[in-house]
Amino acid sequence: MTSKVTEESLGYEQARDELIEVVRRLEAGGTTLEESLALWERGEELAKVCRRWLDGARARLDAALAEEEDEGSAVEAGGDGE
């Protein structure tokens, strides 16, 4: 339904908003089996995009926190000898 390029170019908010719309349409019903399957597949793709964004954000936070912790340890180790 969607190319890899389009998936990769979606920002988190765009993917999340489209996923919300897909869920709304599925919950509302009134679609054919084929349409429902296509919506479900699109929802799965969008959920993966969101998960990749969230995983990337978590990795960035973990790296920033580790860097901050390392800097704090270096200051504490170097500051006691004076």
PDB file of N, CA and C in Angstrom:
ATOM      1  N   MET A   1       0.823  -1.201   0.000  1.00  0.00           N
ATOM      2  CA  MET A   1       0.000   0.000   0.000  1.00  0.00           C
ATOM      3  C   MET A   1       0.862   1.258   0.000  1.00  0.00           C
ATOM      4  N   THR A   2       1.977   1.254   0.746  1.00  0.00           N
ATOM      5  CA  THR A   2       2.852   2.410   0.818  1.00  0.00           C
ATOM      6  C   THR A   2       4.280   1.964   0.573  1.00  0.00           C
ATOM      7  N   SER A   3       5.023   2.781  -0.140  1.00  0.00           N
ATOM      8  CA  SER A   3       6.408   2.424  -0.430  1.00  0.00           C
ATOM      9  C   SER A   3       7.282   2.650   0.791  1.00  0.00           C
ATOM     10  N   LYS A   4       8.450   2.017   0.787  1.00  0.00           N
ATOM     11  CA  LYS A   4       9.414   2.141   1.869  1.00  0.00           C
ATOM     12  C   LYS A   4       9.867   3.594   2.014  1.00  0.00           C
ATOM     13  N   VAL A   5      10.018   4.283   0.891  1.00  0.00           N
ATOM     14  CA  VAL A   5      10.460   5.679   0.919  1.00  0.00           C
ATOM     15  C   VAL A   5       9.454   6.536   1.694  1.00  0.00           C
ATOM     16  N   THR A   6       8.162   6.338   1.442  1.00  0.00           N
ATOM     17  CA  THR A   6       7.145   7.110   2.137  1.00  0.00           C
ATOM     18  C   THR A   6       7.168   6.816   3.625  1.00  0.00           C
ATOM     19  N   GLU A   7       7.297   5.548   3.993  1.00  0.00           N
ATOM     20  CA  GLU A   7       7.354   5.176   5.401  1.00  0.00           C
ATOM     21  C   GLU A   7       8.527   5.849   6.095  1.00  0.00           C
ATOM     22  N   GLU A   8       9.687   5.837   5.448  1.00  0.00           N
ATOM     23  CA  GLU A   8      10.874   6.408   6.064  1.00  0.00           C
ATOM     24  C   GLU A   8      10.797   7.923   6.160  1.00  0.00           C
ATOM     25  N   SER A   9      10.009   8.554   5.300  1.00  0.00           N
ATOM     26  CA  SER A   9       9.926  10.007   5.328  1.00  0.00           C
ATOM     27  C   SER A   9       8.871  10.513   6.307  1.00  0.00           C
ATOM     28  N   LEU A  10       8.061   9.610   6.845  1.00  0.00           N
ATOM     29  CA  LEU A  10       7.034  10.022   7.799  1.00  0.00           C
ATOM     30  C   LEU A  10       7.659  10.365   9.141  1.00  0.00           C
ATOM     31  N   GLY A  11       7.272  11.503   9.677  1.00  0.00           N
ATOM     32  CA  GLY A  11       7.678  11.839  11.025  1.00  0.00           C
ATOM     33  C   GLY A  11       6.805  11.087  12.020  1.00  0.00           C
ATOM     34  N   TYR A  12       7.217  11.092  13.268  1.00  0.00           N
ATOM     35  CA  TYR A  12       6.463  10.381  14.297  1.00  0.00           C
ATOM     36  C   TYR A  12       5.022  10.886  14.382  1.00  0.00           C
ATOM     37  N   GLU A  13       4.863  12.196  14.448  1.00  0.00           N
ATOM     38  CA  GLU A  13       3.525  12.768  14.600  1.00  0.00           C
ATOM     39  C   GLU A  13       2.628  12.438  13.407  1.00  0.00           C
ATOM     40  N   GLN A  14       3.193  12.480  12.203  1.00  0.00           N
ATOM     41  CA  GLN A  14       2.418  12.141  11.005  1.00  0.00           C
ATOM     42  C   GLN A  14       1.965  10.684  11.051  1.00  0.00           C
ATOM     43  N   ALA A  15       2.889   9.791  11.387  1.00  0.00           N
ATOM     44  CA  ALA A  15       2.559   8.366  11.450  1.00  0.00           C
ATOM     45  C   ALA A  15       1.527   8.102  12.538  1.00  0.00           C
ATOM     46  N   ARG A  16       1.703   8.735  13.689  1.00  0.00           N
ATOM     47  CA  ARG A  16       0.760   8.555  14.797  1.00  0.00           C
ATOM     48  C   ARG A  16      -0.630   9.046  14.416  1.00  0.00           C
ATOM     49  N   ASP A  17      -0.702  10.217  13.811  1.00  0.00           N
ATOM     50  CA  ASP A  17      -2.000  10.767  13.424  1.00  0.00           C
ATOM     51  C   ASP A  17      -2.695   9.889  12.388  1.00  0.00           C
ATOM     52  N   GLU A  18      -1.924   9.395  11.419  1.00  0.00           N
ATOM     53  CA  GLU A  18      -2.523   8.516  10.418  1.00  0.00           C
ATOM     54  C   GLU A  18      -2.962   7.202  11.052  1.00  0.00           C
ATOM     55  N   LEU A  19      -2.182   6.696  12.000  1.00  0.00           N
ATOM     56  CA  LEU A  19      -2.544   5.463  12.700  1.00  0.00           C
ATOM     57  C   LEU A  19      -3.847   5.652  13.478  1.00  0.00           C
ATOM     58  N   ILE A  20      -4.002   6.791  14.117  1.00  0.00           N
ATOM     59  CA  ILE A  20      -5.242   7.094  14.841  1.00  0.00           C
ATOM     60  C   ILE A  20      -6.428   7.073  13.888  1.00  0.00           C
ATOM     61  N   GLU A  21      -6.244   7.646  12.713  1.00  0.00           N
ATOM     62  CA  GLU A  21      -7.317   7.666  11.713  1.00  0.00           C
ATOM     63  C   GLU A  21      -7.638   6.250  11.218  1.00  0.00           C
ATOM     64  N   VAL A  22      -6.622   5.435  11.014  1.00  0.00           N
ATOM     65  CA  VAL A  22      -6.834   4.051  10.582  1.00  0.00           C
ATOM     66  C   VAL A  22      -7.638   3.296  11.637  1.00  0.00           C
ATOM     67  N   VAL A  23      -7.267   3.436  12.888  1.00  0.00           N
ATOM     68  CA  VAL A  23      -7.981   2.759  13.976  1.00  0.00           C
ATOM     69  C   VAL A  23      -9.424   3.246  14.043  1.00  0.00           C
ATOM     70  N   ARG A  24      -9.617   4.556  13.904  1.00  0.00           N
ATOM     71  CA  ARG A  24     -10.969   5.110  13.934  1.00  0.00           C
ATOM     72  C   ARG A  24     -11.833   4.500  12.831  1.00  0.00           C
ATOM     73  N   ARG A  25     -11.270   4.410  11.635  1.00  0.00           N
ATOM     74  CA  ARG A  25     -12.029   3.839  10.514  1.00  0.00           C
ATOM     75  C   ARG A  25     -12.338   2.364  10.726  1.00  0.00           C
ATOM     76  N   LEU A  26     -11.380   1.630  11.267  1.00  0.00           N
ATOM     77  CA  LEU A  26     -11.630   0.209  11.541  1.00  0.00           C
ATOM     78  C   LEU A  26     -12.702   0.029  12.612  1.00  0.00           C
ATOM     79  N   GLU A  27     -12.624   0.852  13.658  1.00  0.00           N
ATOM     80  CA  GLU A  27     -13.606   0.746  14.735  1.00  0.00           C
ATOM     81  C   GLU A  27     -14.998   1.164  14.290  1.00  0.00           C
ATOM     82  N   ALA A  28     -15.060   2.091  13.350  1.00  0.00           N
ATOM     83  CA  ALA A  28     -16.362   2.567  12.866  1.00  0.00           C
ATOM     84  C   ALA A  28     -17.071   1.501  12.034  1.00  0.00           C
ATOM     85  N   GLY A  29     -16.306   0.612  11.434  1.00  0.00           N
ATOM     86  CA  GLY A  29     -16.902  -0.438  10.609  1.00  0.00           C
ATOM     87  C   GLY A  29     -17.385   0.126   9.288  1.00  0.00           C
ATOM     88  N   GLY A  30     -18.207  -0.658   8.596  1.00  0.00           N
ATOM     89  CA  GLY A  30     -18.761  -0.212   7.334  1.00  0.00           C
ATOM     90  C   GLY A  30     -17.832  -0.369   6.155  1.00  0.00           C
ATOM     91  N   THR A  31     -16.703  -1.034   6.350  1.00  0.00           N
ATOM     92  CA  THR A  31     -15.791  -1.257   5.236  1.00  0.00           C
ATOM     93  C   THR A  31     -15.875  -2.725   4.824  1.00  0.00           C
ATOM     94  N   THR A  32     -15.486  -2.980   3.596  1.00  0.00           N
ATOM     95  CA  THR A  32     -15.465  -4.361   3.111  1.00  0.00           C
ATOM     96  C   THR A  32     -14.317  -5.104   3.787  1.00  0.00           C
ATOM     97  N   LEU A  33     -14.329  -6.398   3.664  1.00  0.00           N
ATOM     98  CA  LEU A  33     -13.242  -7.209   4.215  1.00  0.00           C
ATOM     99  C   LEU A  33     -11.912  -6.786   3.605  1.00  0.00           C
ATOM    100  N   GLU A  34     -11.903  -6.586   2.300  1.00  0.00           N
ATOM    101  CA  GLU A  34     -10.661  -6.190   1.611  1.00  0.00           C
ATOM    102  C   GLU A  34     -10.174  -4.823   2.121  1.00  0.00           C
ATOM    103  N   GLU A  35     -11.076  -3.881   2.275  1.00  0.00           N
ATOM    104  CA  GLU A  35     -10.706  -2.554   2.789  1.00  0.00           C
ATOM    105  C   GLU A  35     -10.204  -2.660   4.227  1.00  0.00           C
ATOM    106  N   SER A  36     -10.870  -3.467   5.024  1.00  0.00           N
ATOM    107  CA  SER A  36     -10.456  -3.647   6.421  1.00  0.00           C
ATOM    108  C   SER A  36      -9.060  -4.246   6.508  1.00  0.00           C
ATOM    109  N   LEU A  37      -8.778  -5.239   5.667  1.00  0.00           N
ATOM    110  CA  LEU A  37      -7.440  -5.842   5.648  1.00  0.00           C
ATOM    111  C   LEU A  37      -6.382  -4.833   5.220  1.00  0.00           C
ATOM    112  N   ALA A  38      -6.702  -4.029   4.218  1.00  0.00           N
ATOM    113  CA  ALA A  38      -5.763  -2.998   3.761  1.00  0.00           C
ATOM    114  C   ALA A  38      -5.509  -1.977   4.870  1.00  0.00           C
ATOM    115  N   LEU A  39      -6.557  -1.589   5.572  1.00  0.00           N
ATOM    116  CA  LEU A  39      -6.401  -0.653   6.690  1.00  0.00           C
ATOM    117  C   LEU A  39      -5.550  -1.264   7.795  1.00  0.00           C
ATOM    118  N   TRP A  40      -5.823  -2.520   8.110  1.00  0.00           N
ATOM    119  CA  TRP A  40      -5.061  -3.201   9.154  1.00  0.00           C
ATOM    120  C   TRP A  40      -3.580  -3.267   8.784  1.00  0.00           C
ATOM    121  N   GLU A  41      -3.291  -3.627   7.520  1.00  0.00           N
ATOM    122  CA  GLU A  41      -1.902  -3.691   7.068  1.00  0.00           C
ATOM    123  C   GLU A  41      -1.231  -2.327   7.154  1.00  0.00           C
ATOM    124  N   ARG A  42      -1.956  -1.289   6.761  1.00  0.00           N
ATOM    125  CA  ARG A  42      -1.399   0.072   6.862  1.00  0.00           C
ATOM    126  C   ARG A  42      -1.149   0.429   8.325  1.00  0.00           C
ATOM    127  N   GLY A  43      -2.074   0.053   9.185  1.00  0.00           N
ATOM    128  CA  GLY A  43      -1.894   0.310  10.617  1.00  0.00           C
ATOM    129  C   GLY A  43      -0.649  -0.368  11.160  1.00  0.00           C
ATOM    130  N   GLU A  44      -0.393  -1.598  10.733  1.00  0.00           N
ATOM    131  CA  GLU A  44       0.812  -2.309  11.158  1.00  0.00           C
ATOM    132  C   GLU A  44       2.068  -1.571  10.694  1.00  0.00           C
ATOM    133  N   GLU A  45       2.061  -1.101   9.450  1.00  0.00           N
ATOM    134  CA  GLU A  45       3.205  -0.346   8.925  1.00  0.00           C
ATOM    135  C   GLU A  45       3.426   0.930   9.735  1.00  0.00           C
ATOM    136  N   LEU A  46       2.346   1.632  10.009  1.00  0.00           N
ATOM    137  CA  LEU A  46       2.448   2.885  10.760  1.00  0.00           C
ATOM    138  C   LEU A  46       2.925   2.636  12.188  1.00  0.00           C
ATOM    139  N   ALA A  47       2.460   1.558  12.793  1.00  0.00           N
ATOM    140  CA  ALA A  47       2.898   1.222  14.151  1.00  0.00           C
ATOM    141  C   ALA A  47       4.402   0.956  14.162  1.00  0.00           C
ATOM    142  N   LYS A  48       4.926   0.308  13.124  1.00  0.00           N
ATOM    143  CA  LYS A  48       6.367   0.055  13.032  1.00  0.00           C
ATOM    144  C   LYS A  48       7.142   1.359  12.902  1.00  0.00           C
ATOM    145  N   VAL A  49       6.613   2.288  12.102  1.00  0.00           N
ATOM    146  CA  VAL A  49       7.260   3.594  11.953  1.00  0.00           C
ATOM    147  C   VAL A  49       7.309   4.296  13.309  1.00  0.00           C
ATOM    148  N   CYS A  50       6.203   4.296  14.021  1.00  0.00           N
ATOM    149  CA  CYS A  50       6.158   4.933  15.342  1.00  0.00           C
ATOM    150  C   CYS A  50       7.142   4.267  16.294  1.00  0.00           C
ATOM    151  N   ARG A  51       7.183   2.947  16.283  1.00  0.00           N
ATOM    152  CA  ARG A  51       8.096   2.211  17.167  1.00  0.00           C
ATOM    153  C   ARG A  51       9.544   2.567  16.859  1.00  0.00           C
ATOM    154  N   ARG A  52       9.901   2.675  15.567  1.00  0.00           N
ATOM    155  CA  ARG A  52      11.276   3.053  15.213  1.00  0.00           C
ATOM    156  C   ARG A  52      11.615   4.441  15.745  1.00  0.00           C
ATOM    157  N   TRP A  53      10.676   5.383  15.603  1.00  0.00           N
ATOM    158  CA  TRP A  53      10.909   6.733  16.125  1.00  0.00           C
ATOM    159  C   TRP A  53      11.093   6.702  17.640  1.00  0.00           C
ATOM    160  N   LEU A  54      10.232   5.969  18.325  1.00  0.00           N
ATOM    161  CA  LEU A  54      10.313   5.900  19.786  1.00  0.00           C
ATOM    162  C   LEU A  54      11.593   5.202  20.241  1.00  0.00           C
ATOM    163  N   ASP A  55      11.980   4.136  19.547  1.00  0.00           N
ATOM    164  CA  ASP A  55      13.234   3.450  19.881  1.00  0.00           C
ATOM    165  C   ASP A  55      14.427   4.377  19.679  1.00  0.00           C
ATOM    166  N   GLY A  56      14.399   5.153  18.598  1.00  0.00           N
ATOM    167  CA  GLY A  56      15.474   6.099  18.342  1.00  0.00           C
ATOM    168  C   GLY A  56      15.536   7.190  19.399  1.00  0.00           C
ATOM    169  N   ALA A  57      14.379   7.668  19.810  1.00  0.00           N
ATOM    170  CA  ALA A  57      14.331   8.690  20.863  1.00  0.00           C
ATOM    171  C   ALA A  57      14.868   8.131  22.174  1.00  0.00           C
ATOM    172  N   ARG A  58      14.506   6.895  22.494  1.00  0.00           N
ATOM    173  CA  ARG A  58      14.992   6.254  23.716  1.00  0.00           C
ATOM    174  C   ARG A  58      16.510   6.104  23.677  1.00  0.00           C
ATOM    175  N   ALA A  59      17.048   5.711  22.536  1.00  0.00           N
ATOM    176  CA  ALA A  59      18.499   5.556  22.404  1.00  0.00           C
ATOM    177  C   ALA A  59      19.207   6.893  22.596  1.00  0.00           C
ATOM    178  N   ARG A  60      18.634   7.949  22.030  1.00  0.00           N
ATOM    179  CA  ARG A  60      19.238   9.287  22.192  1.00  0.00           C
ATOM    180  C   ARG A  60      19.208   9.733  23.645  1.00  0.00           C
ATOM    181  N   LEU A  61      18.094   9.486  24.322  1.00  0.00           N
ATOM    182  CA  LEU A  61      18.001   9.840  25.744  1.00  0.00           C
ATOM    183  C   LEU A  61      18.993   9.046  26.576  1.00  0.00           C
ATOM    184  N   ASP A  62      19.073   7.742  26.323  1.00  0.00           N
ATOM    185  CA  ASP A  62      20.012   6.903  27.060  1.00  0.00           C
ATOM    186  C   ASP A  62      21.441   7.375  26.852  1.00  0.00           C
ATOM    187  N   ALA A  63      21.791   7.734  25.606  1.00  0.00           N
ATOM    188  CA  ALA A  63      23.141   8.211  25.311  1.00  0.00           C
ATOM    189  C   ALA A  63      23.420   9.530  26.025  1.00  0.00           C
ATOM    190  N   ALA A  64      22.447  10.429  26.022  1.00  0.00           N
ATOM    191  CA  ALA A  64      22.631  11.725  26.688  1.00  0.00           C
ATOM    192  C   ALA A  64      22.781  11.540  28.194  1.00  0.00           C
ATOM    193  N   LEU A  65      21.977  10.662  28.767  1.00  0.00           N
ATOM    194  CA  LEU A  65      22.069  10.413  30.204  1.00  0.00           C
ATOM    195  C   LEU A  65      23.392   9.748  30.571  1.00  0.00           C
ATOM    196  N   ALA A  66      23.855   8.827  29.750  1.00  0.00           N
ATOM    197  CA  ALA A  66      25.131   8.160  29.999  1.00  0.00           C
ATOM    198  C   ALA A  66      26.275   9.165  29.900  1.00  0.00           C
ATOM    199  N   GLU A  67      26.204  10.054  28.912  1.00  0.00           N
ATOM    200  CA  GLU A  67      27.238  11.075  28.748  1.00  0.00           C
ATOM    201  C   GLU A  67      27.259  12.005  29.954  1.00  0.00           C
ATOM    202  N   GLU A  68      26.080  12.399  30.403  1.00  0.00           N
ATOM    203  CA  GLU A  68      25.981  13.274  31.580  1.00  0.00           C
ATOM    204  C   GLU A  68      26.538  12.575  32.818  1.00  0.00           C
ATOM    205  N   GLU A  69      26.232  11.301  32.961  1.00  0.00           N
ATOM    206  CA  GLU A  69      26.730  10.528  34.101  1.00  0.00           C
ATOM    207  C   GLU A  69      28.246  10.408  34.045  1.00  0.00           C
ATOM    208  N   ASP A  70      28.797  10.167  32.847  1.00  0.00           N
ATOM    209  CA  ASP A  70      30.244  10.060  32.687  1.00  0.00           C
ATOM    210  C   ASP A  70      30.926  11.379  33.025  1.00  0.00           C
ATOM    211  N   GLU A  71      30.354  12.488  32.586  1.00  0.00           N
ATOM    212  CA  GLU A  71      30.923  13.802  32.886  1.00  0.00           C
ATOM    213  C   GLU A  71      30.866  14.076  34.383  1.00  0.00           C
ATOM    214  N   GLY A  72      29.786  13.698  35.024  1.00  0.00           N
ATOM    215  CA  GLY A  72      29.657  13.882  36.470  1.00  0.00           C
ATOM    216  C   GLY A  72      30.670  13.061  37.236  1.00  0.00           C
ATOM    217  N   SER A  73      30.934  11.847  36.791  1.00  0.00           N
ATOM    218  CA  SER A  73      31.917  10.983  37.446  1.00  0.00           C
ATOM    219  C   SER A  73      33.318  11.549  37.292  1.00  0.00           C
ATOM    220  N   ALA A  74      33.625  12.091  36.132  1.00  0.00           N
ATOM    221  CA  ALA A  74      34.949  12.656  35.875  1.00  0.00           C
ATOM    222  C   ALA A  74      35.182  13.887  36.738  1.00  0.00           C
ATOM    223  N   VAL A  75      34.174  14.710  36.917  1.00  0.00           N
ATOM    224  CA  VAL A  75      34.305  15.905  37.750  1.00  0.00           C
ATOM    225  C   VAL A  75      34.516  15.519  39.196  1.00  0.00           C
ATOM    226  N   GLU A  76      33.742  14.539  39.674  1.00  0.00           N
ATOM    227  CA  GLU A  76      33.881  14.092  41.059  1.00  0.00           C
ATOM    228  C   GLU A  76      35.254  13.487  41.303  1.00  0.00           C
ATOM    229  N   ALA A  77      35.748  12.696  40.390  1.00  0.00           N
ATOM    230  CA  ALA A  77      37.060  12.033  40.545  1.00  0.00           C
ATOM    231  C   ALA A  77      38.196  13.056  40.513  1.00  0.00           C
ATOM    232  N   GLY A  78      38.079  14.069  39.665  1.00  0.00           N
ATOM    233  CA  GLY A  78      39.136  15.052  39.524  1.00  0.00           C
ATOM    234  C   GLY A  78      39.092  16.151  40.570  1.00  0.00           C
ATOM    235  N   GLY A  79      37.964  16.374  41.186  1.00  0.00           N
ATOM    236  CA  GLY A  79      37.819  17.493  42.115  1.00  0.00           C
ATOM    237  C   GLY A  79      38.238  17.203  43.530  1.00  0.00           C
ATOM    238  N   ASP A  80      38.459  15.956  43.924  1.00  0.00           N
ATOM    239  CA  ASP A  80      38.745  15.631  45.314  1.00  0.00           C
ATOM    240  C   ASP A  80      40.221  15.754  45.666  1.00  0.00           C
ATOM    241  N   GLY A  81      41.107  15.817  44.679  1.00  0.00           N
ATOM    242  CA  GLY A  81      42.531  15.780  44.948  1.00  0.00           C
ATOM    243  C   GLY A  81      43.138  17.118  45.296  1.00  0.00           C
ATOM    244  N   GLU A  82      42.402  18.193  45.353  1.00  0.00           N
ATOM    245  CA  GLU A  82      43.011  19.510  45.593  1.00  0.00           C
ATOM    246  C   GLU A  82      43.107  19.849  47.024  1.00  0.00           C
TER     247      GLU A  82
END
